[in-house]
Amino acid sequence: MADSSLVYQGYARGLDKNMIKQINAWAMQNREPDVTFYVRVTAQEAKRRIEERRLPLTSFEKEGSKFIEKLISGFDDIFATKKNGIILDGNLSRTEISNNAYKALTQWMQTNKMLHS
């Protein structure tokens, strides 16, 4: 949740990123998730999926392609150095994404000694 608020408000809307980080830290009582997934899609794929849903657009979805590109850039920036982040190719099928998520999480857990034998 903290990553999303930082990206949507800071990167895409241009609000003070440090202030957003401070608010997030306060709201989350300085806790962070053990691991976070970033299901990355291209701007074109995001737009296609939004249109395919045929639901009323949210205020964010009404922003258009440039806004989506800012979101992707923001998440890319955050996850470039995130130690507890796993990036998945969201352009793949749901089955492939699920399989990749399972494999990546299993590997992450083994690396971080979170699996019990």
N, C-alpha and C. Protein backbone atom coordinates (compact mmCIF):
# COMPACT_ATOMS: atom_id res chain seq x y z
N MET A 1 0.82 -1.19 0.00
CA MET A 1 0.00 0.00 0.00
C MET A 1 0.87 1.26 0.00
N ALA A 2 1.94 1.23 0.75
CA ALA A 2 2.82 2.40 0.82
C ALA A 2 3.45 2.69 -0.53
N ASP A 3 3.85 1.64 -1.25
CA ASP A 3 4.44 1.85 -2.57
C ASP A 3 3.43 2.51 -3.51
N SER A 4 2.20 2.03 -3.47
CA SER A 4 1.17 2.58 -4.35
C SER A 4 0.88 4.04 -4.03
N SER A 5 0.74 4.37 -2.76
CA SER A 5 0.46 5.78 -2.43
C SER A 5 1.64 6.67 -2.83
N LEU A 6 2.85 6.17 -2.65
CA LEU A 6 4.02 6.94 -3.06
C LEU A 6 4.03 7.17 -4.57
N VAL A 7 3.73 6.12 -5.33
CA VAL A 7 3.75 6.23 -6.79
C VAL A 7 2.60 7.10 -7.29
N TYR A 8 1.38 6.80 -6.85
CA TYR A 8 0.22 7.54 -7.35
C TYR A 8 0.26 9.01 -6.94
N GLN A 9 0.62 9.28 -5.70
CA GLN A 9 0.60 10.67 -5.22
C GLN A 9 1.91 11.40 -5.49
N GLY A 10 3.04 10.71 -5.28
CA GLY A 10 4.34 11.36 -5.43
C GLY A 10 4.83 11.41 -6.86
N TYR A 11 4.98 10.24 -7.47
CA TYR A 11 5.52 10.19 -8.83
C TYR A 11 4.53 10.72 -9.87
N ALA A 12 3.28 10.29 -9.77
CA ALA A 12 2.32 10.65 -10.82
C ALA A 12 1.65 12.01 -10.59
N ARG A 13 1.37 12.35 -9.35
CA ARG A 13 0.71 13.63 -9.06
C ARG A 13 1.68 14.74 -8.67
N GLY A 14 2.94 14.37 -8.43
CA GLY A 14 3.95 15.38 -8.15
C GLY A 14 3.97 15.91 -6.73
N LEU A 15 3.32 15.22 -5.79
CA LEU A 15 3.36 15.66 -4.40
C LEU A 15 4.70 15.28 -3.77
N ASP A 16 5.01 15.90 -2.64
CA ASP A 16 6.30 15.70 -1.96
C ASP A 16 6.48 14.24 -1.55
N LYS A 17 7.43 13.57 -2.15
CA LYS A 17 7.66 12.14 -1.90
C LYS A 17 8.12 11.88 -0.47
N ASN A 18 8.95 12.74 0.07
CA ASN A 18 9.42 12.55 1.45
C ASN A 18 8.27 12.66 2.44
N MET A 19 7.36 13.60 2.20
CA MET A 19 6.19 13.75 3.07
C MET A 19 5.33 12.49 3.00
N ILE A 20 5.13 11.97 1.79
CA ILE A 20 4.33 10.75 1.62
C ILE A 20 4.99 9.58 2.35
N LYS A 21 6.31 9.47 2.25
CA LYS A 21 7.03 8.41 2.96
C LYS A 21 6.84 8.53 4.47
N GLN A 22 6.89 9.76 4.99
CA GLN A 22 6.71 9.98 6.43
C GLN A 22 5.29 9.61 6.87
N ILE A 23 4.30 10.00 6.07
CA ILE A 23 2.91 9.66 6.39
C ILE A 23 2.72 8.16 6.35
N ASN A 24 3.28 7.50 5.34
CA ASN A 24 3.18 6.05 5.23
C ASN A 24 3.82 5.36 6.44
N ALA A 25 5.00 5.83 6.82
CA ALA A 25 5.69 5.24 7.98
C ALA A 25 4.84 5.39 9.24
N TRP A 26 4.24 6.55 9.41
CA TRP A 26 3.38 6.78 10.58
C TRP A 26 2.15 5.87 10.52
N ALA A 27 1.48 5.83 9.35
CA ALA A 27 0.26 5.04 9.21
C ALA A 27 0.52 3.55 9.38
N MET A 28 1.70 3.12 8.98
CA MET A 28 2.03 1.69 9.07
C MET A 28 2.84 1.38 10.32
N GLN A 29 2.96 2.36 11.21
CA GLN A 29 3.70 2.21 12.46
C GLN A 29 5.12 1.70 12.21
N ASN A 30 5.75 2.26 11.19
CA ASN A 30 7.12 1.93 10.79
C ASN A 30 7.33 0.46 10.46
N ARG A 31 6.26 -0.21 10.06
CA ARG A 31 6.37 -1.61 9.64
C ARG A 31 6.38 -1.67 8.12
N GLU A 32 7.09 -2.66 7.60
CA GLU A 32 7.11 -2.89 6.16
C GLU A 32 6.76 -4.34 5.90
N PRO A 33 6.18 -4.60 4.74
CA PRO A 33 5.89 -6.01 4.41
C PRO A 33 7.18 -6.79 4.25
N ASP A 34 7.10 -8.09 4.50
CA ASP A 34 8.27 -8.94 4.31
C ASP A 34 8.67 -8.97 2.84
N VAL A 35 7.68 -9.02 1.97
CA VAL A 35 7.94 -9.07 0.53
C VAL A 35 6.79 -8.38 -0.20
N THR A 36 7.11 -7.75 -1.32
CA THR A 36 6.11 -7.06 -2.13
C THR A 36 6.28 -7.47 -3.59
N PHE A 37 5.16 -7.78 -4.24
CA PHE A 37 5.18 -8.10 -5.65
C PHE A 37 4.85 -6.87 -6.47
N TYR A 38 5.54 -6.71 -7.57
CA TYR A 38 5.24 -5.67 -8.56
C TYR A 38 4.95 -6.41 -9.86
N VAL A 39 3.69 -6.43 -10.25
CA VAL A 39 3.28 -7.08 -11.49
C VAL A 39 3.35 -6.00 -12.57
N ARG A 40 4.45 -6.02 -13.30
CA ARG A 40 4.74 -4.96 -14.25
C ARG A 40 4.11 -5.24 -15.61
N VAL A 41 3.38 -4.25 -16.12
CA VAL A 41 2.82 -4.31 -17.47
C VAL A 41 3.23 -3.07 -18.23
N THR A 42 3.17 -3.15 -19.52
CA THR A 42 3.44 -1.96 -20.35
C THR A 42 2.24 -1.02 -20.26
N ALA A 43 2.45 0.23 -20.63
CA ALA A 43 1.36 1.21 -20.64
C ALA A 43 0.27 0.77 -21.61
N GLN A 44 0.68 0.21 -22.74
CA GLN A 44 -0.29 -0.24 -23.73
C GLN A 44 -1.15 -1.37 -23.18
N GLU A 45 -0.52 -2.31 -22.47
CA GLU A 45 -1.27 -3.43 -21.89
C GLU A 45 -2.20 -2.95 -20.79
N ALA A 46 -1.75 -2.01 -19.97
CA ALA A 46 -2.61 -1.46 -18.91
C ALA A 46 -3.84 -0.81 -19.53
N LYS A 47 -3.62 -0.01 -20.56
CA LYS A 47 -4.73 0.67 -21.23
C LYS A 47 -5.70 -0.34 -21.85
N ARG A 48 -5.16 -1.38 -22.48
CA ARG A 48 -5.99 -2.41 -23.09
C ARG A 48 -6.87 -3.10 -22.03
N ARG A 49 -6.27 -3.41 -20.88
CA ARG A 49 -7.01 -4.09 -19.83
C ARG A 49 -8.10 -3.19 -19.23
N ILE A 50 -7.78 -1.93 -19.09
CA ILE A 50 -8.77 -0.97 -18.56
C ILE A 50 -9.97 -0.91 -19.51
N GLU A 51 -9.69 -0.80 -20.79
CA GLU A 51 -10.76 -0.73 -21.79
C GLU A 51 -11.55 -2.03 -21.86
N GLU A 52 -10.85 -3.15 -21.74
CA GLU A 52 -11.48 -4.47 -21.83
C GLU A 52 -12.47 -4.72 -20.70
N ARG A 53 -12.22 -4.13 -19.53
CA ARG A 53 -13.10 -4.34 -18.37
C ARG A 53 -14.49 -3.77 -18.59
N ARG A 54 -14.57 -2.70 -19.34
CA ARG A 54 -15.85 -2.03 -19.65
C ARG A 54 -16.60 -1.62 -18.39
N LEU A 55 -15.87 -1.19 -17.39
CA LEU A 55 -16.45 -0.67 -16.16
C LEU A 55 -16.26 0.85 -16.14
N PRO A 56 -17.04 1.55 -15.33
CA PRO A 56 -16.80 3.00 -15.22
C PRO A 56 -15.35 3.25 -14.79
N LEU A 57 -14.73 4.24 -15.41
CA LEU A 57 -13.33 4.54 -15.11
C LEU A 57 -13.19 5.22 -13.76
N THR A 58 -12.13 4.88 -13.04
CA THR A 58 -11.80 5.58 -11.81
C THR A 58 -11.16 6.91 -12.18
N SER A 59 -10.99 7.77 -11.21
CA SER A 59 -10.35 9.07 -11.50
C SER A 59 -8.93 8.87 -12.01
N PHE A 60 -8.24 7.84 -11.51
CA PHE A 60 -6.88 7.57 -11.98
C PHE A 60 -6.90 7.09 -13.43
N GLU A 61 -7.85 6.22 -13.76
CA GLU A 61 -7.92 5.68 -15.11
C GLU A 61 -8.29 6.73 -16.15
N LYS A 62 -9.00 7.75 -15.71
CA LYS A 62 -9.38 8.84 -16.61
C LYS A 62 -8.19 9.72 -16.98
N GLU A 63 -7.09 9.59 -16.26
CA GLU A 63 -5.91 10.42 -16.49
C GLU A 63 -5.24 10.16 -17.83
N GLY A 64 -5.32 8.96 -18.35
CA GLY A 64 -4.76 8.66 -19.66
C GLY A 64 -3.38 8.04 -19.64
N SER A 65 -2.81 7.93 -20.84
CA SER A 65 -1.55 7.20 -21.05
C SER A 65 -0.36 7.82 -20.34
N LYS A 66 -0.24 9.13 -20.36
CA LYS A 66 0.92 9.77 -19.70
C LYS A 66 0.92 9.48 -18.21
N PHE A 67 -0.24 9.46 -17.61
CA PHE A 67 -0.35 9.15 -16.18
C PHE A 67 0.09 7.71 -15.93
N ILE A 68 -0.36 6.79 -16.77
CA ILE A 68 0.03 5.38 -16.64
C ILE A 68 1.54 5.24 -16.77
N GLU A 69 2.13 5.96 -17.71
CA GLU A 69 3.59 5.91 -17.90
C GLU A 69 4.31 6.43 -16.66
N LYS A 70 3.77 7.46 -16.01
CA LYS A 70 4.36 7.96 -14.77
C LYS A 70 4.28 6.91 -13.67
N LEU A 71 3.16 6.20 -13.62
CA LEU A 71 3.01 5.15 -12.61
C LEU A 71 4.04 4.05 -12.81
N ILE A 72 4.17 3.59 -14.05
CA ILE A 72 5.14 2.53 -14.35
C ILE A 72 6.55 3.00 -14.02
N SER A 73 6.88 4.21 -14.40
CA SER A 73 8.20 4.76 -14.10
C SER A 73 8.45 4.83 -12.59
N GLY A 74 7.42 5.23 -11.84
CA GLY A 74 7.56 5.30 -10.39
C GLY A 74 7.78 3.94 -9.75
N PHE A 75 6.97 2.96 -10.15
CA PHE A 75 7.16 1.61 -9.62
C PHE A 75 8.52 1.05 -10.03
N ASP A 76 8.92 1.29 -11.29
CA ASP A 76 10.24 0.84 -11.75
C ASP A 76 11.33 1.43 -10.86
N ASP A 77 11.22 2.71 -10.56
CA ASP A 77 12.22 3.40 -9.74
C ASP A 77 12.28 2.79 -8.34
N ILE A 78 11.13 2.60 -7.73
CA ILE A 78 11.08 2.05 -6.37
C ILE A 78 11.64 0.63 -6.33
N PHE A 79 11.24 -0.19 -7.29
CA PHE A 79 11.63 -1.60 -7.26
C PHE A 79 13.04 -1.85 -7.78
N ALA A 80 13.66 -0.85 -8.34
CA ALA A 80 15.04 -1.01 -8.83
C ALA A 80 16.00 -1.32 -7.68
N THR A 81 15.69 -0.82 -6.49
CA THR A 81 16.58 -1.01 -5.34
C THR A 81 15.89 -1.67 -4.15
N LYS A 82 14.66 -2.07 -4.31
CA LYS A 82 13.90 -2.66 -3.20
C LYS A 82 14.42 -4.05 -2.89
N LYS A 83 14.85 -4.24 -1.66
CA LYS A 83 15.41 -5.53 -1.25
C LYS A 83 14.34 -6.59 -1.03
N ASN A 84 13.13 -6.16 -0.68
CA ASN A 84 12.06 -7.11 -0.42
C ASN A 84 11.02 -7.10 -1.54
N GLY A 85 11.46 -6.79 -2.75
CA GLY A 85 10.54 -6.71 -3.88
C GLY A 85 10.78 -7.79 -4.92
N ILE A 86 9.70 -8.27 -5.48
CA ILE A 86 9.76 -9.26 -6.55
C ILE A 86 9.00 -8.68 -7.74
N ILE A 87 9.67 -8.58 -8.87
CA ILE A 87 9.05 -8.05 -10.08
C ILE A 87 8.61 -9.21 -10.96
N LEU A 88 7.35 -9.15 -11.39
CA LEU A 88 6.80 -10.17 -12.26
C LEU A 88 6.38 -9.54 -13.58
N ASP A 89 6.51 -10.28 -14.66
CA ASP A 89 6.10 -9.80 -15.98
C ASP A 89 4.58 -9.97 -16.09
N GLY A 90 3.86 -8.87 -15.97
CA GLY A 90 2.41 -8.89 -16.02
C GLY A 90 1.83 -9.03 -17.40
N ASN A 91 2.67 -9.05 -18.43
CA ASN A 91 2.20 -9.22 -19.79
C ASN A 91 2.00 -10.69 -20.14
N LEU A 92 2.41 -11.58 -19.24
CA LEU A 92 2.24 -13.02 -19.45
C LEU A 92 0.81 -13.43 -19.10
N SER A 93 0.48 -14.68 -19.34
CA SER A 93 -0.84 -15.20 -18.98
C SER A 93 -0.97 -15.26 -17.46
N ARG A 94 -2.19 -15.34 -16.98
CA ARG A 94 -2.42 -15.45 -15.54
C ARG A 94 -1.73 -16.67 -14.95
N THR A 95 -1.78 -17.76 -15.67
CA THR A 95 -1.14 -18.99 -15.20
C THR A 95 0.37 -18.80 -15.09
N GLU A 96 0.97 -18.20 -16.12
CA GLU A 96 2.42 -17.97 -16.08
C GLU A 96 2.81 -17.01 -14.96
N ILE A 97 2.01 -15.97 -14.76
CA ILE A 97 2.29 -15.02 -13.67
C ILE A 97 2.20 -15.74 -12.32
N SER A 98 1.17 -16.54 -12.14
CA SER A 98 1.01 -17.29 -10.88
C SER A 98 2.18 -18.23 -10.65
N ASN A 99 2.56 -18.96 -11.69
CA ASN A 99 3.69 -19.89 -11.56
C ASN A 99 4.98 -19.14 -11.25
N ASN A 100 5.22 -18.03 -11.93
CA ASN A 100 6.42 -17.23 -11.68
C ASN A 100 6.41 -16.63 -10.28
N ALA A 101 5.24 -16.21 -9.81
CA ALA A 101 5.12 -15.66 -8.46
C ALA A 101 5.45 -16.72 -7.42
N TYR A 102 4.92 -17.92 -7.62
CA TYR A 102 5.20 -19.02 -6.69
C TYR A 102 6.69 -19.34 -6.65
N LYS A 103 7.30 -19.46 -7.82
CA LYS A 103 8.73 -19.77 -7.89
C LYS A 103 9.56 -18.66 -7.25
N ALA A 104 9.23 -17.42 -7.57
CA ALA A 104 10.00 -16.29 -7.03
C ALA A 104 9.85 -16.19 -5.52
N LEU A 105 8.64 -16.40 -5.02
CA LEU A 105 8.42 -16.33 -3.58
C LEU A 105 9.12 -17.47 -2.86
N THR A 106 9.05 -18.66 -3.43
CA THR A 106 9.75 -19.81 -2.83
C THR A 106 11.25 -19.53 -2.76
N GLN A 107 11.81 -19.03 -3.85
CA GLN A 107 13.24 -18.71 -3.86
C GLN A 107 13.56 -17.60 -2.85
N TRP A 108 12.71 -16.58 -2.79
CA TRP A 108 12.92 -15.47 -1.85
C TRP A 108 12.89 -16.00 -0.41
N MET A 109 11.94 -16.88 -0.13
CA MET A 109 11.82 -17.44 1.23
C MET A 109 13.04 -18.28 1.58
N GLN A 110 13.54 -19.05 0.64
CA GLN A 110 14.74 -19.86 0.89
C GLN A 110 15.94 -18.95 1.13
N THR A 111 16.07 -17.94 0.33
CA THR A 111 17.18 -16.99 0.47
C THR A 111 17.12 -16.27 1.82
N ASN A 112 15.91 -15.99 2.27
CA ASN A 112 15.73 -15.26 3.53
C ASN A 112 15.44 -16.20 4.69
N LYS A 113 15.69 -17.48 4.47
CA LYS A 113 15.57 -18.50 5.52
C LYS A 113 14.22 -18.48 6.23
N MET A 114 13.16 -18.36 5.43
CA MET A 114 11.82 -18.31 6.02
C MET A 114 11.08 -19.63 5.87
N LEU A 115 11.65 -20.58 5.12
CA LEU A 115 11.00 -21.87 4.95
C LEU A 115 11.42 -22.81 6.06
N HIS A 116 10.47 -23.59 6.54
CA HIS A 116 10.78 -24.61 7.54
C HIS A 116 10.98 -25.94 6.80
N SER A 117 11.97 -26.67 7.19
CA SER A 117 12.25 -27.96 6.53
C SER A 117 11.27 -29.01 6.92
